[in-house]
PDB file of N, CA and C in Angstrom:
ATOM      1  N   UNK A   1       0.836  -1.209   0.003  1.00  0.00           N
ATOM      2  CA  UNK A   1       0.032   0.003  -0.005  1.00  0.00           C
ATOM      3  C   UNK A   1       0.868   1.265   0.032  1.00  0.00           C
ATOM      4  N   UNK A   2       0.614   2.175  -0.873  1.00  0.00           N
ATOM      5  CA  UNK A   2       1.322   3.468  -0.926  1.00  0.00           C
ATOM      6  C   UNK A   2       0.923   4.434   0.163  1.00  0.00           C
ATOM      7  N   UNK A   3       1.863   5.082   0.730  1.00  0.00           N
ATOM      8  CA  UNK A   3       1.585   6.093   1.703  1.00  0.00           C
ATOM      9  C   UNK A   3       1.085   7.364   1.025  1.00  0.00           C
ATOM     10  N   UNK A   4       0.201   8.108   1.612  1.00  0.00           N
ATOM     11  CA  UNK A   4      -0.267   9.332   1.001  1.00  0.00           C
ATOM     12  C   UNK A   4       0.896  10.286   0.699  1.00  0.00           C
ATOM     13  N   UNK A   5       0.857  10.784  -0.509  1.00  0.00           N
ATOM     14  CA  UNK A   5       1.885  11.751  -0.907  1.00  0.00           C
ATOM     15  C   UNK A   5       3.133  11.161  -1.519  1.00  0.00           C
ATOM     16  N   UNK A   6       3.196   9.816  -1.608  1.00  0.00           N
ATOM     17  CA  UNK A   6       4.456   9.202  -2.061  1.00  0.00           C
ATOM     18  C   UNK A   6       4.407   8.888  -3.577  1.00  0.00           C
ATOM     19  N   UNK A   7       3.351   9.276  -4.210  1.00  0.00           N
ATOM     20  CA  UNK A   7       3.229   8.935  -5.678  1.00  0.00           C
ATOM     21  C   UNK A   7       4.288   9.603  -6.518  1.00  0.00           C
ATOM     22  N   UNK A   8       4.778  10.749  -6.132  1.00  0.00           N
ATOM     23  CA  UNK A   8       5.746  11.531  -6.949  1.00  0.00           C
ATOM     24  C   UNK A   8       7.186  11.115  -6.804  1.00  0.00           C
ATOM     25  N   UNK A   9       7.476  10.162  -5.948  1.00  0.00           N
ATOM     26  CA  UNK A   9       8.854   9.776  -5.742  1.00  0.00           C
ATOM     27  C   UNK A   9       9.298   8.718  -6.720  1.00  0.00           C
ATOM     28  N   UNK A  10      10.540   8.827  -7.146  1.00  0.00           N
ATOM     29  CA  UNK A  10      11.106   7.830  -8.051  1.00  0.00           C
ATOM     30  C   UNK A  10      11.808   6.751  -7.211  1.00  0.00           C
ATOM     31  N   UNK A  11      11.927   5.515  -7.752  1.00  0.00           N
ATOM     32  CA  UNK A  11      12.643   4.509  -7.046  1.00  0.00           C
ATOM     33  C   UNK A  11      14.138   4.896  -6.945  1.00  0.00           C
ATOM     34  N   UNK A  12      14.738   4.290  -5.962  1.00  0.00           N
ATOM     35  CA  UNK A  12      16.221   4.550  -5.701  1.00  0.00           C
ATOM     36  C   UNK A  12      17.000   4.128  -6.922  1.00  0.00           C
ATOM     37  N   UNK A  13      18.069   4.880  -7.304  1.00  0.00           N
ATOM     38  CA  UNK A  13      18.843   4.518  -8.475  1.00  0.00           C
ATOM     39  C   UNK A  13      19.637   3.188  -8.195  1.00  0.00           C
ATOM     40  N   UNK A  14      19.829   2.467  -9.286  1.00  0.00           N
ATOM     41  CA  UNK A  14      20.596   1.202  -9.193  1.00  0.00           C
ATOM     42  C   UNK A  14      22.061   1.568  -9.268  1.00  0.00           C
ATOM     43  N   UNK A  15      22.936   1.108  -8.383  1.00  0.00           N
ATOM     44  CA  UNK A  15      24.356   1.415  -8.444  1.00  0.00           C
ATOM     45  C   UNK A  15      24.967   0.901  -9.669  1.00  0.00           C
ATOM     46  N   UNK A  16      25.981   1.650 -10.156  1.00  0.00           N
ATOM     47  CA  UNK A  16      26.736   1.202 -11.411  1.00  0.00           C
ATOM     48  C   UNK A  16      27.612   0.048 -11.039  1.00  0.00           C
ATOM     49  N   UNK A  17      27.907  -0.744 -12.109  1.00  0.00           N
ATOM     50  CA  UNK A  17      28.828  -1.868 -11.914  1.00  0.00           C
ATOM     51  C   UNK A  17      30.180  -1.408 -11.550  1.00  0.00           C
ATOM     52  N   UNK A  18      30.783  -1.988 -10.546  1.00  0.00           N
ATOM     53  CA  UNK A  18      32.092  -1.615 -10.058  1.00  0.00           C
ATOM     54  C   UNK A  18      33.126  -2.443 -10.831  1.00  0.00           C
ATOM     55  N   UNK A  19      34.127  -1.814 -11.463  1.00  0.00           N
ATOM     56  CA  UNK A  19      35.143  -2.512 -12.176  1.00  0.00           C
ATOM     57  C   UNK A  19      35.909  -3.452 -11.245  1.00  0.00           C
ATOM     58  N   UNK A  20      36.335  -4.611 -11.815  1.00  0.00           N
ATOM     59  CA  UNK A  20      37.059  -5.618 -11.063  1.00  0.00           C
ATOM     60  C   UNK A  20      38.533  -5.535 -11.375  1.00  0.00           C
ATOM     61  N   UNK A  21      39.322  -5.286 -10.335  1.00  0.00           N
ATOM     62  CA  UNK A  21      40.813  -5.182 -10.557  1.00  0.00           C
ATOM     63  C   UNK A  21      41.332  -6.549 -10.939  1.00  0.00           C
ATOM     64  N   UNK A  22      42.299  -6.470 -11.873  1.00  0.00           N
ATOM     65  CA  UNK A  22      42.918  -7.691 -12.417  1.00  0.00           C
ATOM     66  C   UNK A  22      43.911  -8.265 -11.360  1.00  0.00           C
ATOM     67  N   UNK A  23      43.970  -9.604 -11.269  1.00  0.00           N
ATOM     68  CA  UNK A  23      44.947 -10.224 -10.432  1.00  0.00           C
ATOM     69  C   UNK A  23      46.280 -10.332 -11.223  1.00  0.00           C
ATOM     70  N   UNK A  24      47.419 -10.422 -10.557  1.00  0.00           N
ATOM     71  CA  UNK A  24      48.658 -10.543 -11.262  1.00  0.00           C
ATOM     72  C   UNK A  24      48.657 -11.758 -12.206  1.00  0.00           C
ATOM     73  N   UNK A  25      49.059 -11.521 -13.456  1.00  0.00           N
ATOM     74  CA  UNK A  25      49.092 -12.566 -14.477  1.00  0.00           C
ATOM     75  C   UNK A  25      47.758 -12.697 -15.237  1.00  0.00           C
ATOM     76  N   UNK A  26      46.710 -12.045 -14.847  1.00  0.00           N
ATOM     77  CA  UNK A  26      45.416 -12.149 -15.562  1.00  0.00           C
ATOM     78  C   UNK A  26      45.417 -11.133 -16.653  1.00  0.00           C
ATOM     79  N   UNK A  27      44.747 -11.463 -17.745  1.00  0.00           N
ATOM     80  CA  UNK A  27      44.653 -10.485 -18.893  1.00  0.00           C
ATOM     81  C   UNK A  27      43.905  -9.212 -18.383  1.00  0.00           C
ATOM     82  N   UNK A  28      44.324  -8.107 -18.898  1.00  0.00           N
ATOM     83  CA  UNK A  28      43.722  -6.778 -18.503  1.00  0.00           C
ATOM     84  C   UNK A  28      43.027  -6.164 -19.692  1.00  0.00           C
ATOM     85  N   UNK A  29      42.017  -5.341 -19.366  1.00  0.00           N
ATOM     86  CA  UNK A  29      41.184  -4.657 -20.383  1.00  0.00           C
ATOM     87  C   UNK A  29      42.089  -3.494 -20.948  1.00  0.00           C
ATOM     88  N   UNK A  30      41.750  -3.140 -22.223  1.00  0.00           N
ATOM     89  CA  UNK A  30      42.380  -1.957 -22.843  1.00  0.00           C
ATOM     90  C   UNK A  30      41.511  -0.750 -22.566  1.00  0.00           C
ATOM     91  N   UNK A  31      42.153   0.400 -22.406  1.00  0.00           N
ATOM     92  CA  UNK A  31      41.390   1.665 -22.211  1.00  0.00           C
ATOM     93  C   UNK A  31      40.618   1.950 -23.455  1.00  0.00           C
ATOM     94  N   UNK A  32      39.361   2.379 -23.303  1.00  0.00           N
ATOM     95  CA  UNK A  32      38.506   2.642 -24.451  1.00  0.00           C
ATOM     96  C   UNK A  32      38.903   3.976 -25.129  1.00  0.00           C
ATOM     97  N   UNK A  33      39.660   4.831 -24.527  1.00  0.00           N
ATOM     98  CA  UNK A  33      40.042   6.091 -25.089  1.00  0.00           C
ATOM     99  C   UNK A  33      41.427   6.062 -25.816  1.00  0.00           C
ATOM    100  N   UNK A  34      42.455   5.426 -25.086  1.00  0.00           N
ATOM    101  CA  UNK A  34      43.778   5.476 -25.615  1.00  0.00           C
ATOM    102  C   UNK A  34      44.352   4.099 -25.995  1.00  0.00           C
ATOM    103  N   UNK A  35      43.609   3.013 -25.652  1.00  0.00           N
ATOM    104  CA  UNK A  35      44.042   1.658 -25.961  1.00  0.00           C
ATOM    105  C   UNK A  35      45.220   1.201 -25.111  1.00  0.00           C
ATOM    106  N   UNK A  36      45.601   1.899 -24.115  1.00  0.00           N
ATOM    107  CA  UNK A  36      46.636   1.476 -23.173  1.00  0.00           C
ATOM    108  C   UNK A  36      46.017   0.403 -22.206  1.00  0.00           C
ATOM    109  N   UNK A  37      46.852  -0.463 -21.596  1.00  0.00           N
ATOM    110  CA  UNK A  37      46.359  -1.431 -20.631  1.00  0.00           C
ATOM    111  C   UNK A  37      45.834  -0.686 -19.401  1.00  0.00           C
ATOM    112  N   UNK A  38      44.727  -1.280 -18.847  1.00  0.00           N
ATOM    113  CA  UNK A  38      44.213  -0.674 -17.632  1.00  0.00           C
ATOM    114  C   UNK A  38      44.584  -1.574 -16.417  1.00  0.00           C
ATOM    115  N   UNK A  39      44.085  -1.181 -15.272  1.00  0.00           N
ATOM    116  CA  UNK A  39      44.323  -2.009 -14.064  1.00  0.00           C
ATOM    117  C   UNK A  39      43.164  -2.971 -13.838  1.00  0.00           C
ATOM    118  N   UNK A  40      42.191  -3.027 -14.771  1.00  0.00           N
ATOM    119  CA  UNK A  40      40.994  -3.804 -14.644  1.00  0.00           C
ATOM    120  C   UNK A  40      41.050  -5.116 -15.433  1.00  0.00           C
ATOM    121  N   UNK A  41      40.329  -6.139 -14.983  1.00  0.00           N
ATOM    122  CA  UNK A  41      40.319  -7.417 -15.658  1.00  0.00           C
ATOM    123  C   UNK A  41      39.746  -7.262 -17.058  1.00  0.00           C
ATOM    124  N   UNK A  42      40.101  -8.186 -17.956  1.00  0.00           N
ATOM    125  CA  UNK A  42      39.643  -8.117 -19.296  1.00  0.00           C
ATOM    126  C   UNK A  42      38.185  -8.285 -19.507  1.00  0.00           C
ATOM    127  N   UNK A  43      37.528  -9.016 -18.523  1.00  0.00           N
ATOM    128  CA  UNK A  43      36.072  -9.243 -18.662  1.00  0.00           C
ATOM    129  C   UNK A  43      35.296  -8.179 -17.860  1.00  0.00           C
ATOM    130  N   UNK A  44      35.888  -7.034 -17.583  1.00  0.00           N
ATOM    131  CA  UNK A  44      35.181  -5.978 -16.824  1.00  0.00           C
ATOM    132  C   UNK A  44      34.049  -5.413 -17.706  1.00  0.00           C
ATOM    133  N   UNK A  45      32.863  -5.281 -17.210  1.00  0.00           N
ATOM    134  CA  UNK A  45      31.731  -4.672 -18.027  1.00  0.00           C
ATOM    135  C   UNK A  45      31.909  -3.206 -18.126  1.00  0.00           C
ATOM    136  N   UNK A  46      31.334  -2.648 -19.141  1.00  0.00           N
ATOM    137  CA  UNK A  46      31.364  -1.189 -19.270  1.00  0.00           C
ATOM    138  C   UNK A  46      32.537  -0.701 -20.124  1.00  0.00           C
ATOM    139  N   UNK A  47      32.976   0.504 -19.847  1.00  0.00           N
ATOM    140  CA  UNK A  47      34.045   1.157 -20.599  1.00  0.00           C
ATOM    141  C   UNK A  47      35.249   1.433 -19.685  1.00  0.00           C
ATOM    142  N   UNK A  48      36.150   0.467 -19.465  1.00  0.00           N
ATOM    143  CA  UNK A  48      37.245   0.696 -18.632  1.00  0.00           C
ATOM    144  C   UNK A  48      38.265   1.717 -19.199  1.00  0.00           C
ATOM    145  N   UNK A  49      38.821   2.574 -18.305  1.00  0.00           N
ATOM    146  CA  UNK A  49      39.770   3.527 -18.736  1.00  0.00           C
ATOM    147  C   UNK A  49      41.059   3.387 -17.878  1.00  0.00           C
ATOM    148  N   UNK A  50      42.191   3.765 -18.515  1.00  0.00           N
ATOM    149  CA  UNK A  50      43.464   3.722 -17.756  1.00  0.00           C
ATOM    150  C   UNK A  50      43.419   4.835 -16.702  1.00  0.00           C
ATOM    151  N   UNK A  51      44.333   4.815 -15.734  1.00  0.00           N
ATOM    152  CA  UNK A  51      44.299   5.889 -14.730  1.00  0.00           C
ATOM    153  C   UNK A  51      44.438   7.284 -15.335  1.00  0.00           C
ATOM    154  N   UNK A  52      45.231   7.508 -16.339  1.00  0.00           N
ATOM    155  CA  UNK A  52      45.455   8.843 -16.906  1.00  0.00           C
ATOM    156  C   UNK A  52      44.152   9.332 -17.495  1.00  0.00           C
ATOM    157  N   UNK A  53      43.442   8.456 -18.334  1.00  0.00           N
ATOM    158  CA  UNK A  53      42.199   8.889 -18.982  1.00  0.00           C
ATOM    159  C   UNK A  53      41.103   9.094 -17.930  1.00  0.00           C
ATOM    160  N   UNK A  54      41.056   8.246 -16.847  1.00  0.00           N
ATOM    161  CA  UNK A  54      40.104   8.437 -15.777  1.00  0.00           C
ATOM    162  C   UNK A  54      40.287   9.825 -15.138  1.00  0.00           C
ATOM    163  N   UNK A  55      41.565  10.191 -14.920  1.00  0.00           N
ATOM    164  CA  UNK A  55      41.895  11.488 -14.289  1.00  0.00           C
ATOM    165  C   UNK A  55      41.468  12.623 -15.219  1.00  0.00           C
ATOM    166  N   UNK A  56      41.755  12.490 -16.506  1.00  0.00           N
ATOM    167  CA  UNK A  56      41.379  13.522 -17.507  1.00  0.00           C
ATOM    168  C   UNK A  56      39.884  13.682 -17.611  1.00  0.00           C
ATOM    169  N   UNK A  57      39.137  12.585 -17.597  1.00  0.00           N
ATOM    170  CA  UNK A  57      37.671  12.666 -17.611  1.00  0.00           C
ATOM    171  C   UNK A  57      37.103  13.328 -16.362  1.00  0.00           C
ATOM    172  N   UNK A  58      37.742  13.025 -15.194  1.00  0.00           N
ATOM    173  CA  UNK A  58      37.325  13.672 -13.964  1.00  0.00           C
ATOM    174  C   UNK A  58      37.573  15.182 -14.042  1.00  0.00           C
ATOM    175  N   UNK A  59      38.711  15.577 -14.542  1.00  0.00           N
ATOM    176  CA  UNK A  59      38.979  17.000 -14.709  1.00  0.00           C
ATOM    177  C   UNK A  59      38.026  17.707 -15.636  1.00  0.00           C
ATOM    178  N   UNK A  60      37.646  17.022 -16.730  1.00  0.00           N
ATOM    179  CA  UNK A  60      36.701  17.629 -17.658  1.00  0.00           C
ATOM    180  C   UNK A  60      35.331  17.807 -16.982  1.00  0.00           C
ATOM    181  N   UNK A  61      34.921  16.782 -16.204  1.00  0.00           N
ATOM    182  CA  UNK A  61      33.645  16.875 -15.528  1.00  0.00           C
ATOM    183  C   UNK A  61      33.663  17.948 -14.472  1.00  0.00           C
ATOM    184  N   UNK A  62      34.764  18.115 -13.743  1.00  0.00           N
ATOM    185  CA  UNK A  62      34.798  19.073 -12.640  1.00  0.00           C
ATOM    186  C   UNK A  62      34.891  20.508 -13.216  1.00  0.00           C
ATOM    187  N   UNK A  63      35.426  20.688 -14.385  1.00  0.00           N
ATOM    188  CA  UNK A  63      35.577  22.024 -14.958  1.00  0.00           C
ATOM    189  C   UNK A  63      34.369  22.453 -15.759  1.00  0.00           C
ATOM    190  N   UNK A  64      33.473  21.507 -16.095  1.00  0.00           N
ATOM    191  CA  UNK A  64      32.269  21.928 -16.863  1.00  0.00           C
ATOM    192  C   UNK A  64      31.260  22.562 -15.967  1.00  0.00           C
ATOM    193  N   UNK A  65      30.661  23.612 -16.346  1.00  0.00           N
ATOM    194  CA  UNK A  65      29.765  24.343 -15.527  1.00  0.00           C
ATOM    195  C   UNK A  65      28.427  23.746 -15.449  1.00  0.00           C
TER     196      UNK A  65
END
């Protein structure tokens, strides 16, 4: 049963998939921007990025108004 006044609320967002760090000797994923090896396992879902590209993307997001 819905509580009065709760009709306008959206459900809680689903958390994004967390990349899985690669174990030593395990194949690693290539960065989707520069094709350099990342620190994430090859079967990581989504768009893995190397540390440099992650940092650059964070800077772009922080500087955009």
